[in-house]
Amino acid sequence: MRAAVVGGSGYAGSEILRLIAHHPHLDMVLGTSDSAAGRYVGEYVPSLAGVYGNVSFSPHASVHESDADIVFLALPHGVSQEYVPSLVEQGRMVVDLGADYRLRNPAHYETWYHAEHRSPELLARSVYGLVERHRTELLGARLIAVPGCYPTASALALGPFLDAGWVESDGVVINALSGVSGAGRVPTDRLHFPRLSGNAEAYGLLDHRHTIEIQEEIGAEVLFTPHLVPASRGMLVTAYARVRGERSTEGALALLRKVYENDPCVVVTNDAPAFKDPLGSNLCFVSARVDPRTGWLVSMSALDNLTKGAAGQAVQAVNVALGWDETLGLPLMGVAP
């Protein structure tokens, strides 16, 4: 099928281009970038030169005249709304990596993103693209809202325990570390090398926008604190919830193995997952501990924020929506060391 990537010069967009190049059923017919229009993809993103060296970026608006069957939108929040309604009306499959169609309640969007949603009627038609939790709903989906990287890692770590009633749904605490590519390609003072190198800092205290997305997905009251660390890509989540009844670490690991036994992109580990384990892959590593002394569950996950946390998740959701093997075009091995 013919695919277009709108916003292909950004980190998530260029990752989609990388994955499409190895996908047996997807053919990239258009890559757009308003900031890099007219430049060769391989010049602007040198890592893609071996496949896209002679392909040029076009302006975003050209997607409406393209012959693409599937349109991946890798745009900042708020911008996707400029394209999604018309693309849906044209009958394209639309896969939005931004936040615009993830939330069910438009009032939540206005509260957390400080803007009125311009096409709230499409929220009911969009399907949340976290395959491991919404595989059935994704079958045949035409508008897919790709989850954020933090919500993906958090939901895969904690979701099974909340679904099974293992833990209390209030007072959940999630701490997360992310590589700087999650902040996008546009430089800021916070991402300036002298400040970033050898540093780590919390941000979005109490009001990070992914909080409401996590809460909607796992059905819990969440205190979420993300941290920026000096790495280009990667994510590590440590989440805490009060257990109900008598629970054990062995039981927690058994639950994770049962839930994810048929999920090729989730790896349950006895040891705590490490930040670098999934880099370059579409895998999410998860593990858990129960502390009998304090009565808390500690659930952990690690993923590559640009692959399983963004572009790989988008491709995986498309694979499921179209009835293909969900691992097509997806790397299932990371890069080490």
Protein backbone atom coordinates (compact mmCIF):
# COMPACT_ATOMS: atom_id res chain seq x y z
CA MET A 1 0.00 0.00 0.00
CA ARG A 2 1.10 3.55 -0.70
CA ALA A 3 2.15 5.51 2.39
CA ALA A 4 2.79 9.19 3.07
CA VAL A 5 4.65 10.55 6.08
CA VAL A 6 3.66 14.11 6.98
CA GLY A 7 6.37 15.58 9.19
CA GLY A 8 9.03 13.21 7.95
CA SER A 9 11.95 15.42 8.95
CA GLY A 10 11.22 15.16 12.69
CA TYR A 11 12.56 12.41 14.88
CA ALA A 12 9.36 10.33 14.93
CA GLY A 13 8.70 11.00 11.24
CA SER A 14 12.17 9.95 10.15
CA GLU A 15 11.80 6.81 12.27
CA ILE A 16 8.62 5.97 10.34
CA LEU A 17 10.54 6.40 7.09
CA ARG A 18 13.19 4.01 8.40
CA LEU A 19 10.61 1.36 9.24
CA ILE A 20 8.64 1.72 6.00
CA ALA A 21 11.83 1.04 4.04
CA HIS A 22 11.85 -2.52 5.42
CA HIS A 23 8.11 -3.16 5.36
CA PRO A 24 7.02 -5.68 2.70
CA HIS A 25 3.57 -4.13 2.16
CA LEU A 26 4.24 -0.39 2.48
CA ASP A 27 5.68 1.82 -0.25
CA MET A 28 6.66 5.37 0.69
CA VAL A 29 5.25 7.71 -1.97
CA LEU A 30 5.52 11.02 -0.12
CA GLY A 31 7.50 12.52 2.72
CA THR A 32 6.68 16.08 3.77
CA SER A 33 8.35 18.80 5.79
CA ASP A 34 7.52 22.49 5.62
CA SER A 35 10.87 23.39 7.19
CA ALA A 36 12.92 21.15 4.86
CA ALA A 37 10.76 21.25 1.70
CA GLY A 38 12.87 20.76 -1.41
CA ARG A 39 15.79 19.18 0.43
CA TYR A 40 16.79 15.56 -0.06
CA VAL A 41 15.70 13.25 2.74
CA GLY A 42 19.17 11.71 2.84
CA GLU A 43 20.75 15.16 3.17
CA TYR A 44 18.51 16.29 6.02
CA VAL A 45 18.48 12.89 7.77
CA PRO A 46 21.81 11.28 6.78
CA SER A 47 20.94 7.95 8.42
CA LEU A 48 18.29 7.48 5.70
CA ALA A 49 20.56 8.27 2.76
CA GLY A 50 21.02 4.63 1.77
CA VAL A 51 17.33 4.31 0.88
CA TYR A 52 16.03 7.86 0.43
CA GLY A 53 19.14 9.62 -0.85
CA ASN A 54 17.44 10.98 -3.98
CA VAL A 55 13.99 11.58 -2.51
CA SER A 56 13.01 15.16 -1.66
CA PHE A 57 10.70 16.44 1.04
CA SER A 58 7.53 18.16 -0.16
CA PRO A 59 5.39 20.72 1.68
CA HIS A 60 2.79 19.32 4.07
CA ALA A 61 -0.14 20.52 1.94
CA SER A 62 0.90 18.22 -0.90
CA VAL A 63 -0.50 15.24 1.01
CA HIS A 64 -4.01 16.14 -0.16
CA GLU A 65 -3.00 15.66 -3.80
CA SER A 66 -0.96 12.51 -3.22
CA ASP A 67 -2.13 8.99 -4.06
CA ALA A 68 -1.30 7.67 -0.59
CA ASP A 69 -3.62 5.06 0.89
CA ILE A 70 -2.19 5.52 4.40
CA VAL A 71 -1.10 8.84 5.87
CA PHE A 72 1.14 8.94 8.93
CA LEU A 73 0.99 12.31 10.67
CA ALA A 74 4.08 13.07 12.75
CA LEU A 75 3.16 16.62 13.73
CA PRO A 76 3.02 18.65 16.95
CA HIS A 77 -0.20 18.57 18.94
CA GLY A 78 -2.83 20.89 17.52
CA VAL A 79 -1.47 20.69 13.97
CA SER A 80 -2.94 17.30 13.08
CA GLN A 81 -6.43 18.78 13.33
CA GLU A 82 -5.63 20.84 10.24
CA TYR A 83 -5.31 17.65 8.17
CA VAL A 84 -7.25 14.79 9.75
CA PRO A 85 -10.85 15.79 8.87
CA SER A 86 -10.16 16.26 5.16
CA LEU A 87 -7.97 13.15 4.93
CA VAL A 88 -10.66 11.06 6.61
CA GLU A 89 -13.24 12.51 4.24
CA GLN A 90 -11.01 11.49 1.30
CA GLY A 91 -11.17 7.91 2.55
CA ARG A 92 -7.52 7.59 3.59
CA MET A 93 -6.35 5.56 6.55
CA VAL A 94 -4.98 8.18 8.95
CA VAL A 95 -2.42 7.35 11.64
CA ASP A 96 -1.83 10.30 13.95
CA LEU A 97 1.27 10.21 16.14
CA GLY A 98 0.25 13.46 17.83
CA ALA A 99 -2.07 13.90 20.79
CA ASP A 100 -5.07 15.34 19.00
CA TYR A 101 -7.25 12.22 18.79
CA ARG A 102 -6.08 10.21 21.81
CA LEU A 103 -8.44 11.55 24.46
CA ARG A 104 -12.07 10.45 24.53
CA ASN A 105 -13.35 13.60 26.22
CA PRO A 106 -12.85 16.89 24.33
CA ALA A 107 -13.08 18.76 27.63
CA HIS A 108 -9.97 16.90 28.79
CA TYR A 109 -8.17 18.06 25.65
CA GLU A 110 -9.11 21.66 26.34
CA THR A 111 -8.01 21.40 29.99
CA TRP A 112 -4.65 19.74 29.39
CA TYR A 113 -3.74 21.19 25.98
CA HIS A 114 -5.23 24.65 26.57
CA ALA A 115 -7.09 24.77 23.27
CA GLU A 116 -10.55 23.88 22.04
CA HIS A 117 -10.67 20.71 19.94
CA ARG A 118 -11.66 21.64 16.39
CA SER A 119 -13.09 18.27 15.29
CA PRO A 120 -14.47 16.59 18.44
CA GLU A 121 -16.87 14.49 16.36
CA LEU A 122 -13.89 12.41 15.20
CA LEU A 123 -12.79 11.48 18.71
CA ALA A 124 -15.42 8.74 18.85
CA ARG A 125 -14.14 7.32 15.54
CA SER A 126 -10.47 7.20 16.47
CA VAL A 127 -8.99 4.02 17.93
CA TYR A 128 -6.24 4.17 20.53
CA GLY A 129 -3.31 2.43 18.89
CA LEU A 130 -1.83 0.50 21.82
CA VAL A 131 -2.02 -2.92 20.20
CA GLU A 132 -1.50 -5.00 23.33
CA ARG A 133 -4.57 -3.43 24.94
CA HIS A 134 -6.75 -2.58 21.93
CA ARG A 135 -6.02 -5.26 19.36
CA THR A 136 -9.67 -6.11 18.72
CA GLU A 137 -10.78 -2.49 18.35
CA LEU A 138 -7.97 -1.84 15.88
CA LEU A 139 -9.19 -4.41 13.35
CA GLY A 140 -10.38 -2.40 10.36
CA ALA A 141 -9.66 0.98 12.01
CA ARG A 142 -9.38 3.96 9.66
CA LEU A 143 -8.34 6.64 12.17
CA ILE A 144 -5.66 5.53 14.62
CA ALA A 145 -4.44 7.68 17.49
CA VAL A 146 -0.94 6.47 18.32
CA PRO A 147 -0.32 6.63 22.09
CA GLY A 148 2.38 8.78 23.59
CA CYS A 149 5.62 7.15 24.68
CA TYR A 150 5.09 7.75 28.41
CA PRO A 151 1.50 6.40 28.35
CA THR A 152 2.65 3.35 26.40
CA ALA A 153 5.38 2.46 28.87
CA SER A 154 3.13 3.23 31.84
CA ALA A 155 0.10 1.30 30.59
CA LEU A 156 2.11 -1.77 29.66
CA ALA A 157 3.72 -1.78 33.11
CA LEU A 158 0.67 -1.05 35.26
CA GLY A 159 -2.35 -1.89 33.12
CA PRO A 160 -2.43 -5.64 33.85
CA PHE A 161 -2.46 -5.06 37.61
CA LEU A 162 -5.27 -2.50 37.50
CA ASP A 163 -7.29 -4.61 35.07
CA ALA A 164 -7.02 -7.61 37.42
CA GLY A 165 -7.88 -5.60 40.55
CA TRP A 166 -4.48 -6.32 42.06
CA VAL A 167 -3.86 -2.72 43.11
CA GLU A 168 -5.72 0.36 44.26
CA SER A 169 -6.67 2.77 41.48
CA ASP A 170 -5.96 5.91 43.51
CA GLY A 171 -2.60 7.20 44.65
CA VAL A 172 -0.68 5.67 41.73
CA VAL A 173 2.79 7.19 41.31
CA ILE A 174 4.74 7.01 38.04
CA ASN A 175 8.32 8.23 37.62
CA ALA A 176 9.84 8.11 34.15
CA LEU A 177 13.17 8.81 32.44
CA SER A 178 13.30 9.78 28.77
CA GLY A 179 15.93 10.49 26.17
CA VAL A 180 15.88 13.97 24.67
CA SER A 181 14.52 12.92 21.27
CA GLY A 182 11.11 12.81 22.97
CA ALA A 183 11.23 16.60 23.08
CA GLY A 184 11.44 16.83 19.30
CA ARG A 185 13.99 18.17 16.88
CA VAL A 186 13.57 21.89 17.55
CA PRO A 187 16.36 23.01 19.94
CA THR A 188 15.61 24.78 23.22
CA ASP A 189 17.67 26.12 26.12
CA ARG A 190 16.85 22.99 28.12
CA LEU A 191 18.21 20.80 25.32
CA HIS A 192 21.37 22.85 24.83
CA PHE A 193 24.38 20.49 25.15
CA PRO A 194 26.20 22.29 28.01
CA ARG A 195 23.01 22.16 30.10
CA LEU A 196 21.99 18.64 29.08
CA SER A 197 25.32 16.83 29.31
CA GLY A 198 25.84 15.13 32.66
CA ASN A 199 22.50 16.47 33.86
CA ALA A 200 19.06 15.11 34.72
CA GLU A 201 15.93 17.07 35.58
CA ALA A 202 12.25 16.65 36.23
CA TYR A 203 9.82 18.66 34.12
CA GLY A 204 6.09 19.05 33.60
CA LEU A 205 5.60 18.82 37.36
CA LEU A 206 1.98 18.04 38.29
CA ASP A 207 0.57 18.98 34.89
CA HIS A 208 2.40 17.03 32.19
CA ARG A 209 -0.06 16.47 29.34
CA HIS A 210 0.47 12.72 29.27
CA THR A 211 -1.04 12.47 32.76
CA ILE A 212 -4.63 12.59 31.50
CA GLU A 213 -3.83 10.13 28.71
CA ILE A 214 -2.39 7.65 31.22
CA GLN A 215 -5.37 8.10 33.52
CA GLU A 216 -7.89 7.53 30.71
CA GLU A 217 -6.08 4.40 29.54
CA ILE A 218 -5.50 2.62 32.86
CA GLY A 219 -8.43 4.02 34.83
CA ALA A 220 -6.46 5.32 37.79
CA GLU A 221 -5.60 8.53 39.60
CA VAL A 222 -1.97 9.20 38.69
CA LEU A 223 0.81 11.43 39.94
CA PHE A 224 3.18 11.44 36.98
CA THR A 225 6.68 12.92 36.97
CA PRO A 226 8.86 12.68 33.84
CA HIS A 227 12.61 13.27 33.86
CA LEU A 228 14.93 14.25 31.03
CA VAL A 229 18.25 12.40 30.94
CA PRO A 230 21.28 12.93 28.67
CA ALA A 231 20.55 10.17 26.14
CA SER A 232 19.28 10.53 22.59
CA ARG A 233 16.56 7.89 22.83
CA GLY A 234 15.11 5.46 25.33
CA MET A 235 12.63 5.38 28.22
CA LEU A 236 12.48 3.80 31.66
CA VAL A 237 9.35 3.86 33.84
CA THR A 238 9.06 2.92 37.51
CA ALA A 239 5.48 2.91 38.80
CA TYR A 240 4.07 2.37 42.29
CA ALA A 241 0.60 1.27 43.43
CA ARG A 242 -0.86 -0.07 46.67
CA VAL A 243 -1.58 -3.80 46.48
CA ARG A 244 -4.89 -5.33 47.50
CA GLY A 245 -4.78 -8.45 49.66
CA GLU A 246 -1.89 -10.87 49.92
CA ARG A 247 0.35 -10.57 46.87
CA SER A 248 3.85 -11.68 45.92
CA THR A 249 6.55 -10.91 43.40
CA GLU A 250 6.15 -14.41 41.96
CA GLY A 251 2.44 -13.78 41.46
CA ALA A 252 3.08 -10.39 39.84
CA LEU A 253 5.53 -11.86 37.34
CA ALA A 254 3.15 -14.74 36.62
CA LEU A 255 0.37 -12.26 35.89
CA LEU A 256 2.55 -10.31 33.46
CA ARG A 257 3.59 -13.51 31.67
CA LYS A 258 -0.02 -14.60 31.35
CA VAL A 259 -1.23 -11.25 30.03
CA TYR A 260 1.59 -10.88 27.50
CA GLU A 261 2.08 -14.52 26.50
CA ASN A 262 0.84 -13.83 22.94
CA ASP A 263 2.32 -10.35 22.52
CA PRO A 264 5.51 -10.51 20.42
CA CYS A 265 6.57 -6.96 21.29
CA VAL A 266 6.45 -7.29 25.09
CA VAL A 267 9.19 -9.13 26.99
CA VAL A 268 8.61 -10.03 30.65
CA THR A 269 11.88 -10.24 32.58
CA ASN A 270 12.79 -11.47 36.03
CA ASP A 271 15.37 -8.72 36.42
CA ALA A 272 14.52 -5.04 36.34
CA PRO A 273 14.61 -3.77 32.72
CA ALA A 274 17.38 -1.38 31.79
CA PHE A 275 17.17 1.84 29.79
CA LYS A 276 19.29 0.48 26.92
CA ASP A 277 17.74 -2.98 26.58
CA PRO A 278 15.14 -2.12 23.89
CA LEU A 279 17.03 0.58 21.95
CA GLY A 280 16.45 0.31 18.21
CA SER A 281 13.66 -2.24 18.62
CA ASN A 282 9.89 -2.27 18.92
CA LEU A 283 10.11 -4.18 22.19
CA CYS A 284 8.90 -3.13 25.62
CA PHE A 285 10.53 -4.90 28.58
CA VAL A 286 8.39 -5.19 31.74
CA SER A 287 8.91 -6.55 35.23
CA ALA A 288 7.49 -6.12 38.73
CA ARG A 289 8.12 -6.54 42.44
CA VAL A 290 5.82 -6.69 45.45
CA ASP A 291 7.22 -5.28 48.68
CA PRO A 292 5.55 -7.10 51.60
CA ARG A 293 7.04 -4.62 54.07
CA THR A 294 5.30 -1.54 52.66
CA GLY A 295 2.46 -3.15 50.70
CA TRP A 296 3.45 -1.53 47.42
CA LEU A 297 3.73 -2.96 43.92
CA VAL A 298 6.70 -1.68 41.93
CA SER A 299 6.14 -2.14 38.19
CA MET A 300 8.80 -1.27 35.62
CA SER A 301 9.11 -0.94 31.86
CA ALA A 302 11.68 0.11 29.27
CA LEU A 303 11.19 0.96 25.60
CA ASP A 304 12.65 3.00 22.78
CA ASN A 305 10.60 6.19 22.78
CA LEU A 306 10.94 6.61 19.00
CA THR A 307 10.12 3.02 18.07
CA LYS A 308 7.65 1.27 20.40
CA GLY A 309 6.90 4.70 21.85
CA ALA A 310 6.03 6.29 18.48
CA ALA A 311 6.85 5.12 14.94
CA GLY A 312 7.05 1.39 15.60
CA GLN A 313 3.80 1.54 17.51
CA ALA A 314 2.20 3.30 14.53
CA VAL A 315 3.36 0.61 12.11
CA GLN A 316 2.32 -2.16 14.50
CA ALA A 317 -1.18 -0.67 14.76
CA VAL A 318 -1.46 -0.42 10.97
CA ASN A 319 -0.40 -4.05 10.64
CA VAL A 320 -3.19 -5.11 13.00
CA ALA A 321 -5.79 -2.81 11.43
CA LEU A 322 -5.12 -4.31 7.99
CA GLY A 323 -4.97 -7.91 9.17
CA TRP A 324 -1.25 -8.37 8.57
CA ASP A 325 1.25 -10.03 10.88
CA GLU A 326 1.68 -7.34 13.53
CA THR A 327 5.49 -7.61 13.49
CA LEU A 328 5.92 -6.83 9.77
CA GLY A 329 8.61 -4.21 9.23
CA LEU A 330 9.39 -4.01 12.94
CA PRO A 331 12.79 -4.67 14.51
CA LEU A 332 12.46 -7.21 17.32
CA MET A 333 16.10 -6.99 18.38
CA GLY A 334 17.76 -3.99 19.95
CA VAL A 335 21.23 -2.57 19.34
CA ALA A 336 23.98 -3.32 21.85
CA PRO A 337 26.17 -2.22 23.47
